[in-house]
């Protein structure tokens, strides 16, 4: 749980800004977005192989 101490002289906007900053530092939203779409291991491996083939073809074409 994120706790943001609010001082007497702070307004609500400043407290919200500090809360948002702390929340961003936790990385919780990045983790949620990453987990939103499940990619099976077989598909992940297939994409890696396609990328490797593409990079290999780029290297071969640049050598000529």
PDB file of N, CA and C in Angstrom:
ATOM      1  N   UNK A   1       0.840  -1.165   0.000  1.00  0.00           N
ATOM      2  CA  UNK A   1       0.000   0.000   0.000  1.00  0.00           C
ATOM      3  C   UNK A   1       0.891   1.236   0.000  1.00  0.00           C
ATOM      4  N   UNK A   2       0.507   2.210  -0.792  1.00  0.00           N
ATOM      5  CA  UNK A   2       1.275   3.447  -0.904  1.00  0.00           C
ATOM      6  C   UNK A   2       0.707   4.461   0.082  1.00  0.00           C
ATOM      7  N   UNK A   3       1.584   5.007   0.883  1.00  0.00           N
ATOM      8  CA  UNK A   3       1.174   6.009   1.855  1.00  0.00           C
ATOM      9  C   UNK A   3       1.848   7.321   1.492  1.00  0.00           C
ATOM     10  N   UNK A   4       1.033   8.373   1.359  1.00  0.00           N
ATOM     11  CA  UNK A   4       1.544   9.697   1.034  1.00  0.00           C
ATOM     12  C   UNK A   4       1.167  10.624   2.187  1.00  0.00           C
ATOM     13  N   UNK A   5       2.144  11.058   2.958  1.00  0.00           N
ATOM     14  CA  UNK A   5       1.810  11.978   4.048  1.00  0.00           C
ATOM     15  C   UNK A   5       1.411  13.349   3.485  1.00  0.00           C
ATOM     16  N   UNK A   6       0.300  13.861   3.951  1.00  0.00           N
ATOM     17  CA  UNK A   6      -0.203  15.149   3.497  1.00  0.00           C
ATOM     18  C   UNK A   6      -0.003  16.159   4.610  1.00  0.00           C
ATOM     19  N   UNK A   7       0.722  17.209   4.279  1.00  0.00           N
ATOM     20  CA  UNK A   7       0.968  18.263   5.265  1.00  0.00           C
ATOM     21  C   UNK A   7      -0.190  19.249   5.256  1.00  0.00           C
ATOM     22  N   UNK A   8      -0.257  20.084   6.271  1.00  0.00           N
ATOM     23  CA  UNK A   8      -1.352  21.049   6.369  1.00  0.00           C
ATOM     24  C   UNK A   8      -1.336  22.061   5.232  1.00  0.00           C
ATOM     25  N   UNK A   9      -0.138  22.465   4.797  1.00  0.00           N
ATOM     26  CA  UNK A   9      -0.069  23.480   3.752  1.00  0.00           C
ATOM     27  C   UNK A   9      -0.234  22.898   2.345  1.00  0.00           C
ATOM     28  N   UNK A  10      -0.277  21.566   2.194  1.00  0.00           N
ATOM     29  CA  UNK A  10      -0.422  20.941   0.873  1.00  0.00           C
ATOM     30  C   UNK A  10      -1.873  20.986   0.407  1.00  0.00           C
ATOM     31  N   UNK A  11      -2.038  21.241  -0.893  1.00  0.00           N
ATOM     32  CA  UNK A  11      -3.376  21.126  -1.460  1.00  0.00           C
ATOM     33  C   UNK A  11      -3.530  19.728  -2.049  1.00  0.00           C
ATOM     34  N   UNK A  12      -4.739  19.385  -2.454  1.00  0.00           N
ATOM     35  CA  UNK A  12      -5.033  18.033  -2.909  1.00  0.00           C
ATOM     36  C   UNK A  12      -4.293  17.700  -4.204  1.00  0.00           C
ATOM     37  N   UNK A  13      -4.102  18.698  -5.075  1.00  0.00           N
ATOM     38  CA  UNK A  13      -3.405  18.428  -6.340  1.00  0.00           C
ATOM     39  C   UNK A  13      -1.965  18.005  -6.106  1.00  0.00           C
ATOM     40  N   UNK A  14      -1.313  18.665  -5.178  1.00  0.00           N
ATOM     41  CA  UNK A  14       0.082  18.336  -4.885  1.00  0.00           C
ATOM     42  C   UNK A  14       0.184  16.925  -4.284  1.00  0.00           C
ATOM     43  N   UNK A  15      -0.742  16.598  -3.401  1.00  0.00           N
ATOM     44  CA  UNK A  15      -0.745  15.262  -2.794  1.00  0.00           C
ATOM     45  C   UNK A  15      -1.013  14.193  -3.849  1.00  0.00           C
ATOM     46  N   UNK A  16      -1.948  14.466  -4.757  1.00  0.00           N
ATOM     47  CA  UNK A  16      -2.221  13.510  -5.832  1.00  0.00           C
ATOM     48  C   UNK A  16      -1.013  13.331  -6.739  1.00  0.00           C
ATOM     49  N   UNK A  17      -0.308  14.410  -7.032  1.00  0.00           N
ATOM     50  CA  UNK A  17       0.885  14.337  -7.870  1.00  0.00           C
ATOM     51  C   UNK A  17       1.948  13.449  -7.220  1.00  0.00           C
ATOM     52  N   UNK A  18       2.139  13.631  -5.901  1.00  0.00           N
ATOM     53  CA  UNK A  18       3.113  12.797  -5.195  1.00  0.00           C
ATOM     54  C   UNK A  18       2.685  11.336  -5.187  1.00  0.00           C
ATOM     55  N   UNK A  19       1.376  11.083  -5.026  1.00  0.00           N
ATOM     56  CA  UNK A  19       0.866   9.715  -5.052  1.00  0.00           C
ATOM     57  C   UNK A  19       1.127   9.070  -6.409  1.00  0.00           C
ATOM     58  N   UNK A  20       0.800   9.797  -7.478  1.00  0.00           N
ATOM     59  CA  UNK A  20       1.005   9.262  -8.827  1.00  0.00           C
ATOM     60  C   UNK A  20       2.473   8.967  -9.093  1.00  0.00           C
ATOM     61  N   UNK A  21       3.349   9.834  -8.603  1.00  0.00           N
ATOM     62  CA  UNK A  21       4.781   9.632  -8.799  1.00  0.00           C
ATOM     63  C   UNK A  21       5.248   8.358  -8.088  1.00  0.00           C
ATOM     64  N   UNK A  22       4.794   8.170  -6.856  1.00  0.00           N
ATOM     65  CA  UNK A  22       5.157   6.959  -6.111  1.00  0.00           C
ATOM     66  C   UNK A  22       4.596   5.717  -6.787  1.00  0.00           C
ATOM     67  N   UNK A  23       3.365   5.824  -7.285  1.00  0.00           N
ATOM     68  CA  UNK A  23       2.726   4.688  -7.945  1.00  0.00           C
ATOM     69  C   UNK A  23       3.481   4.305  -9.209  1.00  0.00           C
ATOM     70  N   UNK A  24       3.922   5.292  -9.987  1.00  0.00           N
ATOM     71  CA  UNK A  24       4.689   5.017 -11.202  1.00  0.00           C
ATOM     72  C   UNK A  24       6.005   4.325 -10.883  1.00  0.00           C
ATOM     73  N   UNK A  25       6.632   4.700  -9.790  1.00  0.00           N
ATOM     74  CA  UNK A  25       7.914   4.092  -9.424  1.00  0.00           C
ATOM     75  C   UNK A  25       7.772   2.629  -9.051  1.00  0.00           C
ATOM     76  N   UNK A  26       6.599   2.201  -8.595  1.00  0.00           N
ATOM     77  CA  UNK A  26       6.418   0.801  -8.225  1.00  0.00           C
ATOM     78  C   UNK A  26       6.403  -0.103  -9.441  1.00  0.00           C
ATOM     79  N   UNK A  27       6.005   0.427 -10.609  1.00  0.00           N
ATOM     80  CA  UNK A  27       5.974  -0.369 -11.828  1.00  0.00           C
ATOM     81  C   UNK A  27       4.750  -1.259 -11.919  1.00  0.00           C
ATOM     82  N   UNK A  28       3.743  -1.008 -11.118  1.00  0.00           N
ATOM     83  CA  UNK A  28       2.551  -1.843 -11.072  1.00  0.00           C
ATOM     84  C   UNK A  28       1.780  -1.796 -12.392  1.00  0.00           C
ATOM     85  N   UNK A  29       1.638  -0.621 -12.990  1.00  0.00           N
ATOM     86  CA  UNK A  29       0.882  -0.508 -14.240  1.00  0.00           C
ATOM     87  C   UNK A  29       1.594  -1.221 -15.388  1.00  0.00           C
ATOM     88  N   UNK A  30       2.917  -1.115 -15.439  1.00  0.00           N
ATOM     89  CA  UNK A  30       3.657  -1.830 -16.483  1.00  0.00           C
ATOM     90  C   UNK A  30       3.434  -3.324 -16.362  1.00  0.00           C
ATOM     91  N   UNK A  31       3.445  -3.825 -15.130  1.00  0.00           N
ATOM     92  CA  UNK A  31       3.230  -5.247 -14.891  1.00  0.00           C
ATOM     93  C   UNK A  31       1.820  -5.661 -15.303  1.00  0.00           C
ATOM     94  N   UNK A  32       0.825  -4.858 -14.977  1.00  0.00           N
ATOM     95  CA  UNK A  32      -0.550  -5.183 -15.349  1.00  0.00           C
ATOM     96  C   UNK A  32      -0.729  -5.196 -16.859  1.00  0.00           C
ATOM     97  N   UNK A  33      -0.144  -4.231 -17.551  1.00  0.00           N
ATOM     98  CA  UNK A  33      -0.255  -4.199 -19.010  1.00  0.00           C
ATOM     99  C   UNK A  33       0.445  -5.392 -19.639  1.00  0.00           C
ATOM    100  N   UNK A  34       1.574  -5.782 -19.060  1.00  0.00           N
ATOM    101  CA  UNK A  34       2.305  -6.928 -19.595  1.00  0.00           C
ATOM    102  C   UNK A  34       1.500  -8.207 -19.424  1.00  0.00           C
ATOM    103  N   UNK A  35       0.788  -8.322 -18.320  1.00  0.00           N
ATOM    104  CA  UNK A  35       0.016  -9.535 -18.041  1.00  0.00           C
ATOM    105  C   UNK A  35      -1.347  -9.541 -18.704  1.00  0.00           C
ATOM    106  N   UNK A  36      -1.747  -8.430 -19.296  1.00  0.00           N
ATOM    107  CA  UNK A  36      -3.075  -8.333 -19.882  1.00  0.00           C
ATOM    108  C   UNK A  36      -3.276  -9.350 -20.998  1.00  0.00           C
ATOM    109  N   UNK A  37      -2.315  -9.517 -21.853  1.00  0.00           N
ATOM    110  CA  UNK A  37      -2.426 -10.438 -22.975  1.00  0.00           C
ATOM    111  C   UNK A  37      -1.456 -11.589 -22.756  1.00  0.00           C
ATOM    112  N   UNK A  38      -2.004 -12.770 -22.502  1.00  0.00           N
ATOM    113  CA  UNK A  38      -1.160 -13.942 -22.276  1.00  0.00           C
ATOM    114  C   UNK A  38      -0.651 -14.463 -23.611  1.00  0.00           C
ATOM    115  N   UNK A  39       0.643 -14.665 -23.693  1.00  0.00           N
ATOM    116  CA  UNK A  39       1.266 -15.228 -24.891  1.00  0.00           C
ATOM    117  C   UNK A  39       1.833 -16.590 -24.500  1.00  0.00           C
ATOM    118  N   UNK A  40       1.336 -17.665 -25.117  1.00  0.00           N
ATOM    119  CA  UNK A  40       1.829 -18.992 -24.781  1.00  0.00           C
ATOM    120  C   UNK A  40       3.316 -19.124 -25.109  1.00  0.00           C
ATOM    121  N   UNK A  41       4.018 -19.983 -24.386  1.00  0.00           N
ATOM    122  CA  UNK A  41       5.457 -20.149 -24.628  1.00  0.00           C
ATOM    123  C   UNK A  41       5.785 -20.544 -26.070  1.00  0.00           C
ATOM    124  N   UNK A  42       4.932 -21.373 -26.692  1.00  0.00           N
ATOM    125  CA  UNK A  42       5.200 -21.782 -28.074  1.00  0.00           C
ATOM    126  C   UNK A  42       5.151 -20.586 -29.020  1.00  0.00           C
ATOM    127  N   UNK A  43       4.189 -19.700 -28.808  1.00  0.00           N
ATOM    128  CA  UNK A  43       4.090 -18.509 -29.665  1.00  0.00           C
ATOM    129  C   UNK A  43       5.254 -17.553 -29.412  1.00  0.00           C
ATOM    130  N   UNK A  44       5.655 -17.432 -28.167  1.00  0.00           N
ATOM    131  CA  UNK A  44       6.794 -16.583 -27.827  1.00  0.00           C
ATOM    132  C   UNK A  44       8.056 -17.097 -28.520  1.00  0.00           C
ATOM    133  N   UNK A  45       8.235 -18.415 -28.507  1.00  0.00           N
ATOM    134  CA  UNK A  45       9.409 -19.013 -29.143  1.00  0.00           C
ATOM    135  C   UNK A  45       9.353 -18.828 -30.661  1.00  0.00           C
ATOM    136  N   UNK A  46       8.153 -18.964 -31.243  1.00  0.00           N
ATOM    137  CA  UNK A  46       7.993 -18.789 -32.685  1.00  0.00           C
ATOM    138  C   UNK A  46       8.348 -17.361 -33.091  1.00  0.00           C
ATOM    139  N   UNK A  47       7.919 -16.374 -32.305  1.00  0.00           N
ATOM    140  CA  UNK A  47       8.243 -14.982 -32.615  1.00  0.00           C
ATOM    141  C   UNK A  47       9.738 -14.726 -32.513  1.00  0.00           C
ATOM    142  N   UNK A  48      10.379 -15.339 -31.526  1.00  0.00           N
ATOM    143  CA  UNK A  48      11.833 -15.182 -31.399  1.00  0.00           C
ATOM    144  C   UNK A  48      12.550 -15.768 -32.598  1.00  0.00           C
ATOM    145  N   UNK A  49      12.079 -16.926 -33.084  1.00  0.00           N
ATOM    146  CA  UNK A  49      12.697 -17.553 -34.254  1.00  0.00           C
ATOM    147  C   UNK A  49      12.489 -16.695 -35.509  1.00  0.00           C
ATOM    148  N   UNK A  50      11.308 -16.119 -35.673  1.00  0.00           N
ATOM    149  CA  UNK A  50      11.058 -15.246 -36.820  1.00  0.00           C
ATOM    150  C   UNK A  50      11.968 -14.030 -36.786  1.00  0.00           C
ATOM    151  N   UNK A  51      12.145 -13.467 -35.601  1.00  0.00           N
ATOM    152  CA  UNK A  51      13.022 -12.309 -35.460  1.00  0.00           C
ATOM    153  C   UNK A  51      14.466 -12.694 -35.793  1.00  0.00           C
ATOM    154  N   UNK A  52      14.895 -13.868 -35.332  1.00  0.00           N
ATOM    155  CA  UNK A  52      16.252 -14.325 -35.618  1.00  0.00           C
ATOM    156  C   UNK A  52      16.454 -14.516 -37.120  1.00  0.00           C
ATOM    157  N   UNK A  53      15.444 -15.084 -37.796  1.00  0.00           N
ATOM    158  CA  UNK A  53      15.544 -15.257 -39.246  1.00  0.00           C
ATOM    159  C   UNK A  53      15.647 -13.912 -39.959  1.00  0.00           C
ATOM    160  N   UNK A  54      14.849 -12.955 -39.508  1.00  0.00           N
ATOM    161  CA  UNK A  54      14.853 -11.623 -40.108  1.00  0.00           C
ATOM    162  C   UNK A  54      16.219 -10.953 -39.927  1.00  0.00           C
ATOM    163  N   UNK A  55      16.762 -11.019 -38.730  1.00  0.00           N
ATOM    164  CA  UNK A  55      18.060 -10.416 -38.461  1.00  0.00           C
ATOM    165  C   UNK A  55      19.143 -11.099 -39.286  1.00  0.00           C
ATOM    166  N   UNK A  56      19.050 -12.413 -39.393  1.00  0.00           N
ATOM    167  CA  UNK A  56      20.026 -13.175 -40.185  1.00  0.00           C
ATOM    168  C   UNK A  56      19.974 -12.750 -41.647  1.00  0.00           C
ATOM    169  N   UNK A  57      18.752 -12.575 -42.182  1.00  0.00           N
ATOM    170  CA  UNK A  57      18.648 -12.166 -43.583  1.00  0.00           C
ATOM    171  C   UNK A  57      19.187 -10.743 -43.789  1.00  0.00           C
ATOM    172  N   UNK A  58      18.995  -9.870 -42.809  1.00  0.00           N
ATOM    173  CA  UNK A  58      19.553  -8.520 -42.910  1.00  0.00           C
ATOM    174  C   UNK A  58      21.087  -8.555 -42.929  1.00  0.00           C
ATOM    175  N   UNK A  59      21.642  -9.406 -42.072  1.00  0.00           N
ATOM    176  CA  UNK A  59      23.104  -9.510 -42.026  1.00  0.00           C
ATOM    177  C   UNK A  59      23.664 -10.070 -43.321  1.00  0.00           C
ATOM    178  N   UNK A  60      22.991 -11.086 -43.877  1.00  0.00           N
ATOM    179  CA  UNK A  60      23.457 -11.681 -45.125  1.00  0.00           C
ATOM    180  C   UNK A  60      23.362 -10.699 -46.280  1.00  0.00           C
ATOM    181  N   UNK A  61      22.297  -9.892 -46.305  1.00  0.00           N
ATOM    182  CA  UNK A  61      22.136  -8.933 -47.409  1.00  0.00           C
ATOM    183  C   UNK A  61      23.137  -7.784 -47.297  1.00  0.00           C
ATOM    184  N   UNK A  62      23.536  -7.436 -46.081  1.00  0.00           N
ATOM    185  CA  UNK A  62      24.498  -6.339 -45.912  1.00  0.00           C
ATOM    186  C   UNK A  62      25.926  -6.789 -46.244  1.00  0.00           C
ATOM    187  N   UNK A  63      26.203  -8.088 -46.206  1.00  0.00           N
ATOM    188  CA  UNK A  63      27.541  -8.599 -46.520  1.00  0.00           C
ATOM    189  C   UNK A  63      27.801  -8.550 -48.024  1.00  0.00           C
ATOM    190  N   UNK A  64      26.764  -8.610 -48.840  1.00  0.00           N
ATOM    191  CA  UNK A  64      26.949  -8.663 -50.286  1.00  0.00           C
ATOM    192  C   UNK A  64      27.237  -7.326 -50.864  1.00  0.00           C
TER     193      UNK A  64
END
